[in-house]
Protein backbone atom coordinates (compact mmCIF):
# COMPACT_ATOMS: atom_id res chain seq x y z
CA MET A 1 17.20 -93.32 -64.65
CA ASN A 2 14.01 -92.33 -62.84
CA LEU A 3 13.68 -88.55 -62.56
CA PHE A 4 10.63 -88.76 -60.31
CA LYS A 5 12.09 -91.20 -57.77
CA ASN A 6 12.27 -88.71 -54.88
CA LEU A 7 9.15 -86.76 -55.82
CA GLU A 8 6.17 -87.33 -53.54
CA LEU A 9 2.85 -87.04 -55.36
CA VAL A 10 -0.08 -85.80 -53.29
CA PRO A 11 -3.55 -85.95 -54.92
CA TYR A 12 -5.30 -82.63 -54.28
CA VAL A 13 -8.24 -83.34 -56.54
CA LEU A 14 -9.81 -86.77 -56.31
CA PHE A 15 -12.26 -87.83 -59.00
CA TRP A 16 -15.31 -89.95 -58.32
CA PRO A 17 -15.25 -92.86 -60.77
CA LEU A 18 -17.57 -92.68 -63.78
CA SER A 19 -18.90 -89.23 -62.90
CA GLY A 20 -17.92 -85.72 -63.83
CA LEU A 21 -17.82 -84.58 -60.22
CA GLY A 22 -14.57 -83.86 -58.45
CA PHE A 23 -13.82 -83.54 -54.77
CA LEU A 24 -11.40 -81.03 -53.31
CA LYS A 25 -9.21 -82.20 -50.48
CA GLY A 26 -8.54 -79.29 -48.18
CA GLY A 27 -7.23 -80.09 -44.72
CA ASN A 28 -9.26 -82.88 -43.15
CA SER A 29 -12.46 -82.38 -45.13
CA LEU A 30 -13.64 -83.28 -48.59
CA LYS A 31 -15.65 -80.58 -50.34
CA MET A 32 -18.00 -81.20 -53.22
CA LYS A 33 -17.00 -79.48 -56.45
CA PHE A 34 -20.11 -78.57 -58.44
CA ASN A 35 -18.51 -77.98 -61.84
CA LYS A 36 -15.23 -79.69 -62.71
CA MET A 37 -14.58 -77.16 -65.50
CA VAL A 38 -14.40 -74.25 -63.03
CA SER A 39 -11.07 -73.91 -61.30
CA SER A 40 -10.83 -73.58 -57.54
CA SER A 41 -7.17 -72.60 -57.68
CA LYS A 42 -6.47 -69.42 -55.71
CA ARG A 43 -3.83 -68.36 -58.24
CA LYS A 44 -6.13 -68.77 -61.25
CA ASN A 45 -9.07 -67.05 -59.55
CA ARG A 46 -6.91 -64.06 -58.59
CA LYS A 47 -5.58 -63.85 -62.14
CA ARG A 48 -9.09 -63.86 -63.60
CA HIS A 49 -10.26 -61.28 -61.06
CA PHE A 50 -7.47 -58.77 -61.73
CA ASN A 51 -7.44 -59.33 -65.50
CA ALA A 52 -11.22 -59.16 -65.84
CA PRO A 53 -12.62 -57.01 -68.67
CA SER A 54 -14.70 -53.92 -67.91
CA HIS A 55 -18.13 -55.52 -68.37
CA ILE A 56 -17.26 -58.19 -65.79
CA ARG A 57 -15.65 -55.66 -63.43
CA ARG A 58 -19.03 -53.89 -63.37
CA LYS A 59 -20.57 -56.94 -61.69
CA LEU A 60 -17.56 -57.43 -59.42
CA MET A 61 -18.03 -53.84 -58.24
CA SER A 62 -21.40 -54.49 -56.60
CA SER A 63 -22.55 -52.97 -53.32
CA PRO A 64 -25.13 -54.14 -50.82
CA LEU A 65 -28.37 -52.19 -50.48
CA SER A 66 -29.50 -50.62 -47.21
CA LYS A 67 -32.08 -52.48 -45.12
CA GLU A 68 -34.89 -50.19 -46.34
CA LEU A 69 -34.01 -50.67 -50.03
CA ARG A 70 -33.57 -54.41 -49.48
CA GLN A 71 -37.12 -54.61 -48.10
CA LYS A 72 -38.50 -52.42 -50.89
CA TYR A 73 -36.90 -54.16 -53.89
CA ASN A 74 -36.29 -57.67 -52.42
CA VAL A 75 -32.67 -57.53 -53.69
CA ARG A 76 -29.47 -57.75 -51.61
CA SER A 77 -26.88 -56.10 -53.85
CA ILE A 78 -26.53 -54.39 -57.21
CA PRO A 79 -23.63 -53.06 -59.31
CA ILE A 80 -22.79 -49.54 -58.19
CA ARG A 81 -22.90 -46.58 -60.57
CA LYS A 82 -22.33 -42.85 -60.69
CA ASP A 83 -24.94 -40.71 -58.83
CA ASP A 84 -25.93 -43.45 -56.35
CA GLU A 85 -25.95 -42.19 -52.76
CA VAL A 86 -23.81 -44.33 -50.45
CA GLN A 87 -22.55 -44.53 -46.88
CA VAL A 88 -19.13 -46.00 -46.01
CA VAL A 89 -19.43 -48.82 -43.45
CA ARG A 90 -15.81 -50.05 -43.22
CA GLY A 91 -12.39 -48.45 -42.92
CA HIS A 92 -11.10 -45.02 -41.94
CA TYR A 93 -14.05 -43.09 -43.42
CA LYS A 94 -16.87 -45.24 -41.98
CA GLY A 95 -19.93 -43.71 -40.38
CA GLN A 96 -19.57 -40.34 -42.05
CA GLN A 97 -22.47 -38.64 -43.79
CA VAL A 98 -24.07 -39.96 -46.95
CA GLY A 99 -22.29 -38.99 -50.16
CA LYS A 100 -22.95 -39.26 -53.87
CA VAL A 101 -20.73 -41.44 -56.08
CA VAL A 102 -18.69 -39.08 -58.27
CA GLN A 103 -16.89 -41.72 -60.35
CA CYS A 104 -16.60 -45.51 -60.70
CA TYR A 105 -12.98 -46.31 -61.56
CA ARG A 106 -13.21 -49.88 -62.82
CA LYS A 107 -9.51 -50.13 -63.66
CA LYS A 108 -8.62 -49.73 -59.97
CA PHE A 109 -11.77 -51.42 -58.53
CA VAL A 110 -12.65 -48.24 -56.56
CA ILE A 111 -15.34 -45.57 -56.39
CA TYR A 112 -14.91 -41.91 -55.54
CA ILE A 113 -17.46 -40.35 -53.18
CA GLU A 114 -18.48 -36.68 -53.04
CA ARG A 115 -17.17 -35.51 -49.64
CA ILE A 116 -14.46 -38.10 -49.01
CA GLN A 117 -11.22 -36.35 -49.91
CA ARG A 118 -7.71 -35.86 -48.56
CA GLU A 119 -5.06 -33.22 -49.05
CA LYS A 120 -1.86 -33.94 -50.92
CA ALA A 121 1.51 -32.59 -49.81
CA ASN A 122 1.24 -29.68 -52.27
CA GLY A 123 -2.17 -28.68 -50.84
CA ALA A 124 -4.28 -30.09 -53.66
CA SER A 125 -7.41 -31.98 -52.64
CA VAL A 126 -8.03 -35.44 -54.16
CA HIS A 127 -10.80 -38.03 -53.79
CA VAL A 128 -10.00 -41.19 -51.83
CA GLY A 129 -10.72 -44.47 -53.60
CA ILE A 130 -13.04 -46.82 -51.71
CA HIS A 131 -13.92 -50.38 -52.68
CA PRO A 132 -17.66 -50.80 -53.46
CA SER A 133 -18.03 -53.72 -51.02
CA LYS A 134 -17.19 -51.33 -48.16
CA VAL A 135 -20.21 -49.08 -48.77
CA VAL A 136 -23.98 -49.45 -48.49
CA ILE A 137 -26.27 -47.94 -51.13
CA ILE A 138 -28.74 -45.57 -49.44
CA LYS A 139 -30.42 -44.16 -52.56
CA LEU A 140 -30.40 -45.56 -56.10
CA LYS A 141 -30.17 -43.51 -59.30
CA MET A 142 -33.16 -45.05 -61.02
CA ASP A 143 -33.70 -45.34 -64.77
CA LYS A 144 -35.56 -47.83 -66.95
CA ASP A 145 -32.59 -50.22 -67.27
CA ARG A 146 -31.95 -50.26 -63.52
CA LYS A 147 -35.66 -50.78 -62.84
CA ARG A 148 -35.67 -53.76 -65.22
CA ILE A 149 -32.61 -55.28 -63.48
CA LEU A 150 -34.26 -54.90 -60.06
CA GLU A 151 -37.51 -56.47 -61.27
CA ARG A 152 -35.64 -59.41 -62.83
CA LYS A 153 -33.58 -60.05 -59.68
CA ALA A 154 -36.66 -59.79 -57.43
CA ARG A 155 -38.60 -62.17 -59.69
CA SER A 156 -35.85 -64.80 -59.59
CA ARG A 157 -35.60 -64.41 -55.82
CA GLN A 158 -39.35 -65.02 -55.45
CA LEU A 159 -39.06 -68.19 -57.55
CA ALA A 160 -36.19 -69.39 -55.35
CA ASP A 161 -38.23 -68.74 -52.17
CA LYS A 162 -41.40 -70.27 -53.60
CA GLY A 163 -41.39 -73.62 -51.75
CA LYS A 164 -39.70 -72.43 -48.57
CA HIS A 165 -41.51 -72.14 -45.26
CA THR A 166 -41.57 -68.75 -43.56
CA GLU A 167 -41.94 -67.98 -39.87
CA GLU A 168 -45.51 -66.76 -40.47
CA SER A 169 -46.58 -69.98 -42.22
CA ILE A 170 -45.09 -72.08 -39.42
CA MET A 171 -46.91 -70.02 -36.76
CA GLU A 172 -50.22 -70.41 -38.64
CA THR A 173 -50.00 -74.21 -38.79
CA SER A 174 -49.13 -74.69 -35.12
């Protein structure tokens, strides 16, 4: 008796012969998979995200820097921490004044900001949790560790941009 007689098998991951590279079939396109050991399953990625330990949640809770800080440090984003000054750019509280981060609550993936509060039914005032991706860092709380991180990220960015042409270099040659 064949148990799999009526079961239709659809290959979602096709493997290139004799190589370690896999291709993902999504819709009408084939996408290159860079590392076959890393899952691209939505379910597995969500599980790893929500069960991540604290030291990984720190990196997941990164915020983009403002345009001025991006120019100054040559870095796009950095993990947020207490005492950074931020501005909310998405959601109900967007566009309000700059506030200081009071607490980073890694368990809930939120940060609490100085002046962003709401009143409970009993009249008590509580901070509203905001996801770090929905804010922009206006001012960094700088210490030697943070300075070292910024220097390392800027250095790796310069190495990545080393061989690329810029608008200025193109204008000079023509």
